[in-house]
Structures are given as structure tokens and as C-alpha cells.
């Protein structure tokens, strides 16, 4: 059975992206065009990204730069990243340098 997709657009045009993916066209394009090593991003790095995002949301809320509701939503999503619940949403090869 074929996996369901959706159409996403970026500066390079349209791209079919898995329907359940949280990422968009640029990430999917990088996955397809740059399968360099087959090695994923290290789990520690993904977790660190979540920690930085959570801290930024909390700090911006405390500074009055981000509404409480939005800060909570960002912090909750960041916590899911920290907890490993969204690891499958980081499909880029560890050696992909952003040129996709």
C-alpha cells in the first residue's frame, strides 16, 4: 500500500511529503537529494535542540515577548522532542549541511 502524502511548497517548488510528517518541502527534498551516509542525527543533538527551544520559549514568555499560551505550546512540543517522541521527524542525514 502506498504511503499517503501531501503537497508542500518552498522556494524550489512543490514536493510530496509524507502526510503525517511535521516537516515540510525543504526537509523532504534534503532526504531525497542527500542520502549521504544513512546515519541519522545523533539523539543527543536532537534532544539539545529541544532543550534550547524550550528554554527560549520560557525566557521569551518571562520577558513578555511571547504570549503565555504560545509559550506553553512551544515548551510542550519541545518537551516531546526532548523525550524522544518526535525522533522520526528528524530524518536528515547527519552529514547533510543545509544545501537542500
PDB file of N, CA and C in Angstrom:
ATOM      1  N   UNK A   1       0.835  -1.178   0.000  1.00  0.00           N
ATOM      2  CA  UNK A   1       0.000   0.000   0.000  1.00  0.00           C
ATOM      3  C   UNK A   1       0.882   1.244   0.000  1.00  0.00           C
ATOM      4  N   UNK A   2       0.579   2.191  -0.855  1.00  0.00           N
ATOM      5  CA  UNK A   2       1.349   3.420  -0.971  1.00  0.00           C
ATOM      6  C   UNK A   2       1.137   4.300   0.255  1.00  0.00           C
ATOM      7  N   UNK A   3       2.219   4.925   0.677  1.00  0.00           N
ATOM      8  CA  UNK A   3       2.139   5.827   1.816  1.00  0.00           C
ATOM      9  C   UNK A   3       1.467   7.130   1.379  1.00  0.00           C
ATOM     10  N   UNK A   4       0.571   7.637   2.209  1.00  0.00           N
ATOM     11  CA  UNK A   4      -0.142   8.874   1.888  1.00  0.00           C
ATOM     12  C   UNK A   4       0.811  10.059   1.966  1.00  0.00           C
ATOM     13  N   UNK A   5       0.605  11.004   1.052  1.00  0.00           N
ATOM     14  CA  UNK A   5       1.431  12.207   1.024  1.00  0.00           C
ATOM     15  C   UNK A   5       0.552  13.444   0.929  1.00  0.00           C
ATOM     16  N   UNK A   6       1.198  14.572   1.125  1.00  0.00           N
ATOM     17  CA  UNK A   6       0.555  15.865   0.917  1.00  0.00           C
ATOM     18  C   UNK A   6       1.539  16.715   0.121  1.00  0.00           C
ATOM     19  N   UNK A   7       1.044  17.747  -0.523  1.00  0.00           N
ATOM     20  CA  UNK A   7       1.903  18.639  -1.298  1.00  0.00           C
ATOM     21  C   UNK A   7       2.299  19.820  -0.419  1.00  0.00           C
ATOM     22  N   UNK A   8       3.596  20.056  -0.313  1.00  0.00           N
ATOM     23  CA  UNK A   8       4.139  21.226   0.377  1.00  0.00           C
ATOM     24  C   UNK A   8       4.917  22.037  -0.643  1.00  0.00           C
ATOM     25  N   UNK A   9       5.070  23.309  -0.382  1.00  0.00           N
ATOM     26  CA  UNK A   9       5.785  24.196  -1.296  1.00  0.00           C
ATOM     27  C   UNK A   9       6.862  24.965  -0.547  1.00  0.00           C
ATOM     28  N   UNK A  10       7.968  25.195  -1.242  1.00  0.00           N
ATOM     29  CA  UNK A  10       9.015  26.059  -0.717  1.00  0.00           C
ATOM     30  C   UNK A  10       9.575  26.864  -1.883  1.00  0.00           C
ATOM     31  N   UNK A  11      10.706  27.522  -1.688  1.00  0.00           N
ATOM     32  CA  UNK A  11      11.264  28.382  -2.734  1.00  0.00           C
ATOM     33  C   UNK A  11      11.683  27.613  -3.985  1.00  0.00           C
ATOM     34  N   UNK A  12      11.819  26.293  -3.880  1.00  0.00           N
ATOM     35  CA  UNK A  12      12.217  25.489  -5.031  1.00  0.00           C
ATOM     36  C   UNK A  12      11.038  24.809  -5.719  1.00  0.00           C
ATOM     37  N   UNK A  13       9.838  24.989  -5.172  1.00  0.00           N
ATOM     38  CA  UNK A  13       8.660  24.417  -5.804  1.00  0.00           C
ATOM     39  C   UNK A  13       7.911  23.444  -4.922  1.00  0.00           C
ATOM     40  N   UNK A  14       7.112  22.596  -5.569  1.00  0.00           N
ATOM     41  CA  UNK A  14       6.278  21.631  -4.855  1.00  0.00           C
ATOM     42  C   UNK A  14       7.054  20.356  -4.549  1.00  0.00           C
ATOM     43  N   UNK A  15       6.636  19.706  -3.451  1.00  0.00           N
ATOM     44  CA  UNK A  15       7.266  18.459  -3.036  1.00  0.00           C
ATOM     45  C   UNK A  15       6.220  17.609  -2.333  1.00  0.00           C
ATOM     46  N   UNK A  16       6.212  16.319  -2.655  1.00  0.00           N
ATOM     47  CA  UNK A  16       5.354  15.368  -1.955  1.00  0.00           C
ATOM     48  C   UNK A  16       6.024  15.017  -0.623  1.00  0.00           C
ATOM     49  N   UNK A  17       5.296  15.214   0.464  1.00  0.00           N
ATOM     50  CA  UNK A  17       5.797  14.980   1.819  1.00  0.00           C
ATOM     51  C   UNK A  17       4.873  13.953   2.474  1.00  0.00           C
ATOM     52  N   UNK A  18       5.411  13.045   3.287  1.00  0.00           N
ATOM     53  CA  UNK A  18       4.522  12.116   3.992  1.00  0.00           C
ATOM     54  C   UNK A  18       3.415  12.879   4.727  1.00  0.00           C
ATOM     55  N   UNK A  19       2.190  12.400   4.614  1.00  0.00           N
ATOM     56  CA  UNK A  19       1.034  13.109   5.174  1.00  0.00           C
ATOM     57  C   UNK A  19       1.150  13.322   6.673  1.00  0.00           C
ATOM     58  N   UNK A  20       1.810  12.404   7.368  1.00  0.00           N
ATOM     59  CA  UNK A  20       1.909  12.520   8.824  1.00  0.00           C
ATOM     60  C   UNK A  20       3.180  13.216   9.302  1.00  0.00           C
ATOM     61  N   UNK A  21       3.982  13.742   8.380  1.00  0.00           N
ATOM     62  CA  UNK A  21       5.231  14.408   8.755  1.00  0.00           C
ATOM     63  C   UNK A  21       4.968  15.803   9.308  1.00  0.00           C
ATOM     64  N   UNK A  22       5.739  16.180  10.312  1.00  0.00           N
ATOM     65  CA  UNK A  22       5.672  17.535  10.854  1.00  0.00           C
ATOM     66  C   UNK A  22       6.552  18.481  10.041  1.00  0.00           C
ATOM     67  N   UNK A  23       7.428  17.941   9.221  1.00  0.00           N
ATOM     68  CA  UNK A  23       8.329  18.762   8.423  1.00  0.00           C
ATOM     69  C   UNK A  23       7.723  19.053   7.050  1.00  0.00           C
ATOM     70  N   UNK A  24       8.418  19.884   6.284  1.00  0.00           N
ATOM     71  CA  UNK A  24       7.876  20.320   5.005  1.00  0.00           C
ATOM     72  C   UNK A  24       8.754  19.979   3.816  1.00  0.00           C
ATOM     73  N   UNK A  25       8.593  20.772   2.768  1.00  0.00           N
ATOM     74  CA  UNK A  25       9.224  20.503   1.480  1.00  0.00           C
ATOM     75  C   UNK A  25      10.748  20.506   1.543  1.00  0.00           C
ATOM     76  N   UNK A  26      11.337  21.462   2.223  1.00  0.00           N
ATOM     77  CA  UNK A  26      12.802  21.552   2.259  1.00  0.00           C
ATOM     78  C   UNK A  26      13.429  20.320   2.896  1.00  0.00           C
ATOM     79  N   UNK A  27      12.839  19.861   3.981  1.00  0.00           N
ATOM     80  CA  UNK A  27      13.361  18.665   4.644  1.00  0.00           C
ATOM     81  C   UNK A  27      13.199  17.443   3.749  1.00  0.00           C
ATOM     82  N   UNK A  28      12.040  17.292   3.135  1.00  0.00           N
ATOM     83  CA  UNK A  28      11.821  16.139   2.257  1.00  0.00           C
ATOM     84  C   UNK A  28      12.776  16.166   1.074  1.00  0.00           C
ATOM     85  N   UNK A  29      13.027  17.341   0.539  1.00  0.00           N
ATOM     86  CA  UNK A  29      13.951  17.466  -0.587  1.00  0.00           C
ATOM     87  C   UNK A  29      15.356  17.044  -0.152  1.00  0.00           C
ATOM     88  N   UNK A  30      15.768  17.451   1.037  1.00  0.00           N
ATOM     89  CA  UNK A  30      17.086  17.066   1.540  1.00  0.00           C
ATOM     90  C   UNK A  30      17.177  15.559   1.740  1.00  0.00           C
ATOM     91  N   UNK A  31      16.118  14.951   2.248  1.00  0.00           N
ATOM     92  CA  UNK A  31      16.098  13.494   2.441  1.00  0.00           C
ATOM     93  C   UNK A  31      16.301  12.786   1.104  1.00  0.00           C
ATOM     94  N   UNK A  32      15.624  13.250   0.080  1.00  0.00           N
ATOM     95  CA  UNK A  32      15.695  12.599  -1.231  1.00  0.00           C
ATOM     96  C   UNK A  32      17.001  12.886  -1.968  1.00  0.00           C
ATOM     97  N   UNK A  33      17.507  14.106  -1.858  1.00  0.00           N
ATOM     98  CA  UNK A  33      18.665  14.512  -2.648  1.00  0.00           C
ATOM     99  C   UNK A  33      20.015  14.257  -1.988  1.00  0.00           C
ATOM    100  N   UNK A  34      20.027  14.068  -0.678  1.00  0.00           N
ATOM    101  CA  UNK A  34      21.300  13.952   0.027  1.00  0.00           C
ATOM    102  C   UNK A  34      21.348  12.756   0.978  1.00  0.00           C
ATOM    103  N   UNK A  35      21.150  11.539   0.464  1.00  0.00           N
ATOM    104  CA  UNK A  35      21.276  10.350   1.322  1.00  0.00           C
ATOM    105  C   UNK A  35      22.757   9.984   1.469  1.00  0.00           C
ATOM    106  N   UNK A  36      23.508  10.822   2.151  1.00  0.00           N
ATOM    107  CA  UNK A  36      24.963  10.746   2.172  1.00  0.00           C
ATOM    108  C   UNK A  36      25.488   9.499   2.884  1.00  0.00           C
ATOM    109  N   UNK A  37      25.129   9.321   4.139  1.00  0.00           N
ATOM    110  CA  UNK A  37      25.701   8.216   4.920  1.00  0.00           C
ATOM    111  C   UNK A  37      24.668   7.204   5.404  1.00  0.00           C
ATOM    112  N   UNK A  38      23.420   7.622   5.469  1.00  0.00           N
ATOM    113  CA  UNK A  38      22.400   6.771   6.066  1.00  0.00           C
ATOM    114  C   UNK A  38      22.366   6.864   7.585  1.00  0.00           C
ATOM    115  N   UNK A  39      23.259   7.691   8.144  1.00  0.00           N
ATOM    116  CA  UNK A  39      23.306   7.876   9.594  1.00  0.00           C
ATOM    117  C   UNK A  39      22.414   9.048   9.988  1.00  0.00           C
ATOM    118  N   UNK A  40      21.528   8.840  10.961  1.00  0.00           N
ATOM    119  CA  UNK A  40      20.651   9.927  11.400  1.00  0.00           C
ATOM    120  C   UNK A  40      21.387  10.909  12.311  1.00  0.00           C
ATOM    121  N   UNK A  41      20.739  12.033  12.581  1.00  0.00           N
ATOM    122  CA  UNK A  41      21.260  12.973  13.568  1.00  0.00           C
ATOM    123  C   UNK A  41      21.390  12.243  14.899  1.00  0.00           C
ATOM    124  N   UNK A  42      22.448  12.505  15.646  1.00  0.00           N
ATOM    125  CA  UNK A  42      22.573  11.866  16.957  1.00  0.00           C
ATOM    126  C   UNK A  42      21.416  12.276  17.870  1.00  0.00           C
ATOM    127  N   UNK A  43      20.917  11.340  18.613  1.00  0.00           N
ATOM    128  CA  UNK A  43      19.809  11.582  19.537  1.00  0.00           C
ATOM    129  C   UNK A  43      20.132  12.714  20.507  1.00  0.00           C
ATOM    130  N   UNK A  44      21.376  12.782  20.973  1.00  0.00           N
ATOM    131  CA  UNK A  44      21.782  13.846  21.904  1.00  0.00           C
ATOM    132  C   UNK A  44      21.627  15.220  21.280  1.00  0.00           C
ATOM    133  N   UNK A  45      21.930  15.331  19.985  1.00  0.00           N
ATOM    134  CA  UNK A  45      21.809  16.611  19.299  1.00  0.00           C
ATOM    135  C   UNK A  45      20.343  17.023  19.186  1.00  0.00           C
ATOM    136  N   UNK A  46      19.488  16.088  18.813  1.00  0.00           N
ATOM    137  CA  UNK A  46      18.052  16.379  18.702  1.00  0.00           C
ATOM    138  C   UNK A  46      17.504  16.795  20.064  1.00  0.00           C
ATOM    139  N   UNK A  47      17.893  16.074  21.105  1.00  0.00           N
ATOM    140  CA  UNK A  47      17.451  16.414  22.462  1.00  0.00           C
ATOM    141  C   UNK A  47      17.915  17.823  22.833  1.00  0.00           C
ATOM    142  N   UNK A  48      19.153  18.165  22.505  1.00  0.00           N
ATOM    143  CA  UNK A  48      19.675  19.501  22.811  1.00  0.00           C
ATOM    144  C   UNK A  48      18.875  20.586  22.091  1.00  0.00           C
ATOM    145  N   UNK A  49      18.476  20.326  20.846  1.00  0.00           N
ATOM    146  CA  UNK A  49      17.637  21.293  20.133  1.00  0.00           C
ATOM    147  C   UNK A  49      16.338  21.544  20.892  1.00  0.00           C
ATOM    148  N   UNK A  50      15.736  20.484  21.397  1.00  0.00           N
ATOM    149  CA  UNK A  50      14.514  20.623  22.182  1.00  0.00           C
ATOM    150  C   UNK A  50      14.737  21.421  23.452  1.00  0.00           C
ATOM    151  N   UNK A  51      15.862  21.195  24.096  1.00  0.00           N
ATOM    152  CA  UNK A  51      16.169  21.917  25.332  1.00  0.00           C
ATOM    153  C   UNK A  51      16.343  23.411  25.075  1.00  0.00           C
ATOM    154  N   UNK A  52      17.021  23.746  23.989  1.00  0.00           N
ATOM    155  CA  UNK A  52      17.206  25.157  23.637  1.00  0.00           C
ATOM    156  C   UNK A  52      15.864  25.798  23.298  1.00  0.00           C
ATOM    157  N   UNK A  53      15.045  25.110  22.529  1.00  0.00           N
ATOM    158  CA  UNK A  53      13.737  25.648  22.138  1.00  0.00           C
ATOM    159  C   UNK A  53      12.852  25.862  23.366  1.00  0.00           C
ATOM    160  N   UNK A  54      12.849  24.893  24.276  1.00  0.00           N
ATOM    161  CA  UNK A  54      12.043  25.026  25.498  1.00  0.00           C
ATOM    162  C   UNK A  54      12.519  26.214  26.339  1.00  0.00           C
ATOM    163  N   UNK A  55      13.818  26.344  26.511  1.00  0.00           N
ATOM    164  CA  UNK A  55      14.369  27.454  27.292  1.00  0.00           C
ATOM    165  C   UNK A  55      14.060  28.801  26.637  1.00  0.00           C
ATOM    166  N   UNK A  56      14.144  28.861  25.317  1.00  0.00           N
ATOM    167  CA  UNK A  56      13.841  30.107  24.606  1.00  0.00           C
ATOM    168  C   UNK A  56      12.376  30.495  24.781  1.00  0.00           C
ATOM    169  N   UNK A  57      11.481  29.519  24.708  1.00  0.00           N
ATOM    170  CA  UNK A  57      10.053  29.805  24.893  1.00  0.00           C
ATOM    171  C   UNK A  57       9.792  30.330  26.296  1.00  0.00           C
ATOM    172  N   UNK A  58      10.386  29.691  27.293  1.00  0.00           N
ATOM    173  CA  UNK A  58      10.185  30.118  28.674  1.00  0.00           C
ATOM    174  C   UNK A  58      10.759  31.513  28.915  1.00  0.00           C
ATOM    175  N   UNK A  59      11.946  31.761  28.394  1.00  0.00           N
ATOM    176  CA  UNK A  59      12.585  33.062  28.570  1.00  0.00           C
ATOM    177  C   UNK A  59      11.798  34.160  27.873  1.00  0.00           C
ATOM    178  N   UNK A  60      11.381  33.915  26.643  1.00  0.00           N
ATOM    179  CA  UNK A  60      10.610  34.927  25.918  1.00  0.00           C
ATOM    180  C   UNK A  60       9.268  35.193  26.585  1.00  0.00           C
ATOM    181  N   UNK A  61       8.689  34.194  27.203  1.00  0.00           N
ATOM    182  CA  UNK A  61       7.450  34.398  27.964  1.00  0.00           C
ATOM    183  C   UNK A  61       7.721  35.291  29.174  1.00  0.00           C
ATOM    184  N   UNK A  62       8.783  34.981  29.908  1.00  0.00           N
ATOM    185  CA  UNK A  62       9.137  35.767  31.091  1.00  0.00           C
ATOM    186  C   UNK A  62       9.444  37.220  30.740  1.00  0.00           C
ATOM    187  N   UNK A  63       9.990  37.445  29.562  1.00  0.00           N
ATOM    188  CA  UNK A  63      10.299  38.808  29.108  1.00  0.00           C
ATOM    189  C   UNK A  63       9.085  39.514  28.514  1.00  0.00           C
ATOM    190  N   UNK A  64       7.972  38.805  28.425  1.00  0.00           N
ATOM    191  CA  UNK A  64       6.761  39.390  27.865  1.00  0.00           C
ATOM    192  C   UNK A  64       6.761  39.465  26.351  1.00  0.00           C
ATOM    193  N   UNK A  65       7.639  38.715  25.717  1.00  0.00           N
ATOM    194  CA  UNK A  65       7.759  38.744  24.258  1.00  0.00           C
ATOM    195  C   UNK A  65       6.948  37.657  23.571  1.00  0.00           C
ATOM    196  N   UNK A  66       6.393  36.750  24.357  1.00  0.00           N
ATOM    197  CA  UNK A  66       5.636  35.632  23.808  1.00  0.00           C
ATOM    198  C   UNK A  66       4.419  35.406  24.697  1.00  0.00           C
ATOM    199  N   UNK A  67       3.241  35.343  24.101  1.00  0.00           N
ATOM    200  CA  UNK A  67       2.039  35.099  24.908  1.00  0.00           C
ATOM    201  C   UNK A  67       2.146  33.770  25.663  1.00  0.00           C
ATOM    202  N   UNK A  68       1.580  33.734  26.859  1.00  0.00           N
ATOM    203  CA  UNK A  68       1.654  32.551  27.726  1.00  0.00           C
ATOM    204  C   UNK A  68       1.197  31.280  27.003  1.00  0.00           C
ATOM    205  N   UNK A  69       0.074  31.354  26.318  1.00  0.00           N
ATOM    206  CA  UNK A  69      -0.467  30.161  25.648  1.00  0.00           C
ATOM    207  C   UNK A  69       0.501  29.622  24.589  1.00  0.00           C
ATOM    208  N   UNK A  70       1.078  30.525  23.810  1.00  0.00           N
ATOM    209  CA  UNK A  70       2.027  30.098  22.774  1.00  0.00           C
ATOM    210  C   UNK A  70       3.304  29.536  23.407  1.00  0.00           C
ATOM    211  N   UNK A  71       3.768  30.184  24.454  1.00  0.00           N
ATOM    212  CA  UNK A  71       4.971  29.702  25.141  1.00  0.00           C
ATOM    213  C   UNK A  71       4.749  28.299  25.690  1.00  0.00           C
ATOM    214  N   UNK A  72       3.588  28.056  26.258  1.00  0.00           N
ATOM    215  CA  UNK A  72       3.277  26.719  26.780  1.00  0.00           C
ATOM    216  C   UNK A  72       3.241  25.686  25.661  1.00  0.00           C
ATOM    217  N   UNK A  73       2.641  26.056  24.533  1.00  0.00           N
ATOM    218  CA  UNK A  73       2.562  25.121  23.403  1.00  0.00           C
ATOM    219  C   UNK A  73       3.959  24.787  22.871  1.00  0.00           C
ATOM    220  N   UNK A  74       4.801  25.797  22.742  1.00  0.00           N
ATOM    221  CA  UNK A  74       6.167  25.566  22.262  1.00  0.00           C
ATOM    222  C   UNK A  74       6.936  24.709  23.258  1.00  0.00           C
ATOM    223  N   UNK A  75       6.813  25.026  24.540  1.00  0.00           N
ATOM    224  CA  UNK A  75       7.518  24.257  25.571  1.00  0.00           C
ATOM    225  C   UNK A  75       7.047  22.802  25.588  1.00  0.00           C
ATOM    226  N   UNK A  76       5.753  22.576  25.401  1.00  0.00           N
ATOM    227  CA  UNK A  76       5.224  21.205  25.380  1.00  0.00           C
ATOM    228  C   UNK A  76       5.763  20.435  24.178  1.00  0.00           C
ATOM    229  N   UNK A  77       5.790  21.075  23.014  1.00  0.00           N
ATOM    230  CA  UNK A  77       6.336  20.419  21.819  1.00  0.00           C
ATOM    231  C   UNK A  77       7.829  20.151  21.995  1.00  0.00           C
ATOM    232  N   UNK A  78       8.540  21.115  22.563  1.00  0.00           N
ATOM    233  CA  UNK A  78       9.970  20.933  22.811  1.00  0.00           C
ATOM    234  C   UNK A  78      10.208  19.771  23.769  1.00  0.00           C
ATOM    235  N   UNK A  79       9.348  19.627  24.757  1.00  0.00           N
ATOM    236  CA  UNK A  79       9.483  18.518  25.701  1.00  0.00           C
ATOM    237  C   UNK A  79       9.292  17.175  24.989  1.00  0.00           C
ATOM    238  N   UNK A  80       8.394  17.128  24.016  1.00  0.00           N
ATOM    239  CA  UNK A  80       8.221  15.900  23.236  1.00  0.00           C
ATOM    240  C   UNK A  80       9.490  15.569  22.460  1.00  0.00           C
ATOM    241  N   UNK A  81      10.162  16.607  21.949  1.00  0.00           N
ATOM    242  CA  UNK A  81      11.439  16.392  21.261  1.00  0.00           C
ATOM    243  C   UNK A  81      12.468  15.864  22.264  1.00  0.00           C
ATOM    244  N   UNK A  82      12.545  16.491  23.421  1.00  0.00           N
ATOM    245  CA  UNK A  82      13.487  16.069  24.461  1.00  0.00           C
ATOM    246  C   UNK A  82      13.240  14.617  24.861  1.00  0.00           C
ATOM    247  N   UNK A  83      11.989  14.249  24.987  1.00  0.00           N
ATOM    248  CA  UNK A  83      11.616  12.895  25.416  1.00  0.00           C
ATOM    249  C   UNK A  83      11.762  11.842  24.322  1.00  0.00           C
ATOM    250  N   UNK A  84      12.088  12.262  23.103  1.00  0.00           N
ATOM    251  CA  UNK A  84      12.284  11.309  22.013  1.00  0.00           C
ATOM    252  C   UNK A  84      11.019  10.909  21.285  1.00  0.00           C
ATOM    253  N   UNK A  85       9.914  11.555  21.592  1.00  0.00           N
ATOM    254  CA  UNK A  85       8.638  11.193  20.970  1.00  0.00           C
ATOM    255  C   UNK A  85       8.554  11.602  19.503  1.00  0.00           C
ATOM    256  N   UNK A  86       9.433  12.503  19.073  1.00  0.00           N
ATOM    257  CA  UNK A  86       9.375  13.001  17.697  1.00  0.00           C
ATOM    258  C   UNK A  86      10.655  12.699  16.915  1.00  0.00           C
ATOM    259  N   UNK A  87      11.415  11.729  17.361  1.00  0.00           N
ATOM    260  CA  UNK A  87      12.679  11.418  16.684  1.00  0.00           C
ATOM    261  C   UNK A  87      12.500  11.135  15.199  1.00  0.00           C
ATOM    262  N   UNK A  88      11.384  10.521  14.827  1.00  0.00           N
ATOM    263  CA  UNK A  88      11.145  10.204  13.417  1.00  0.00           C
ATOM    264  C   UNK A  88      10.885  11.449  12.574  1.00  0.00           C
ATOM    265  N   UNK A  89      10.753  12.590  13.206  1.00  0.00           N
ATOM    266  CA  UNK A  89      10.518  13.834  12.484  1.00  0.00           C
ATOM    267  C   UNK A  89      11.825  14.570  12.164  1.00  0.00           C
ATOM    268  N   UNK A  90      12.945  13.916  12.408  1.00  0.00           N
ATOM    269  CA  UNK A  90      14.270  14.464  12.119  1.00  0.00           C
ATOM    270  C   UNK A  90      15.003  13.498  11.191  1.00  0.00           C
ATOM    271  N   UNK A  91      14.561  13.403   9.923  1.00  0.00           N
ATOM    272  CA  UNK A  91      15.069  12.369   9.021  1.00  0.00           C
ATOM    273  C   UNK A  91      16.348  12.725   8.261  1.00  0.00           C
ATOM    274  N   UNK A  92      16.868  13.911   8.475  1.00  0.00           N
ATOM    275  CA  UNK A  92      18.017  14.366   7.689  1.00  0.00           C
ATOM    276  C   UNK A  92      19.280  13.600   8.070  1.00  0.00           C
ATOM    277  N   UNK A  93      20.070  13.247   7.074  1.00  0.00           N
ATOM    278  CA  UNK A  93      21.355  12.600   7.270  1.00  0.00           C
ATOM    279  C   UNK A  93      22.253  13.506   8.114  1.00  0.00           C
ATOM    280  N   UNK A  94      23.002  12.915   9.015  1.00  0.00           N
ATOM    281  CA  UNK A  94      23.855  13.682   9.919  1.00  0.00           C
ATOM    282  C   UNK A  94      24.846  14.569   9.157  1.00  0.00           C
ATOM    283  N   UNK A  95      25.231  14.176   7.962  1.00  0.00           N
ATOM    284  CA  UNK A  95      26.215  14.942   7.202  1.00  0.00           C
ATOM    285  C   UNK A  95      25.597  15.906   6.194  1.00  0.00           C
ATOM    286  N   UNK A  96      24.300  16.035   6.181  1.00  0.00           N
ATOM    287  CA  UNK A  96      23.626  16.976   5.283  1.00  0.00           C
ATOM    288  C   UNK A  96      23.851  18.368   5.842  1.00  0.00           C
ATOM    289  N   UNK A  97      24.292  19.291   5.015  1.00  0.00           N
ATOM    290  CA  UNK A  97      24.733  20.595   5.519  1.00  0.00           C
ATOM    291  C   UNK A  97      23.768  21.739   5.258  1.00  0.00           C
ATOM    292  N   UNK A  98      22.547  21.453   4.921  1.00  0.00           N
ATOM    293  CA  UNK A  98      21.583  22.524   4.724  1.00  0.00           C
ATOM    294  C   UNK A  98      21.466  23.001   3.297  1.00  0.00           C
ATOM    295  N   UNK A  99      22.115  22.329   2.372  1.00  0.00           N
ATOM    296  CA  UNK A  99      22.049  22.767   0.984  1.00  0.00           C
ATOM    297  C   UNK A  99      20.836  22.219   0.256  1.00  0.00           C
ATOM    298  N   UNK A 100      19.936  21.560   0.974  1.00  0.00           N
ATOM    299  CA  UNK A 100      18.737  21.010   0.351  1.00  0.00           C
ATOM    300  C   UNK A 100      17.615  21.892   0.632  1.00  0.00           C
TER     301      UNK A 100
END
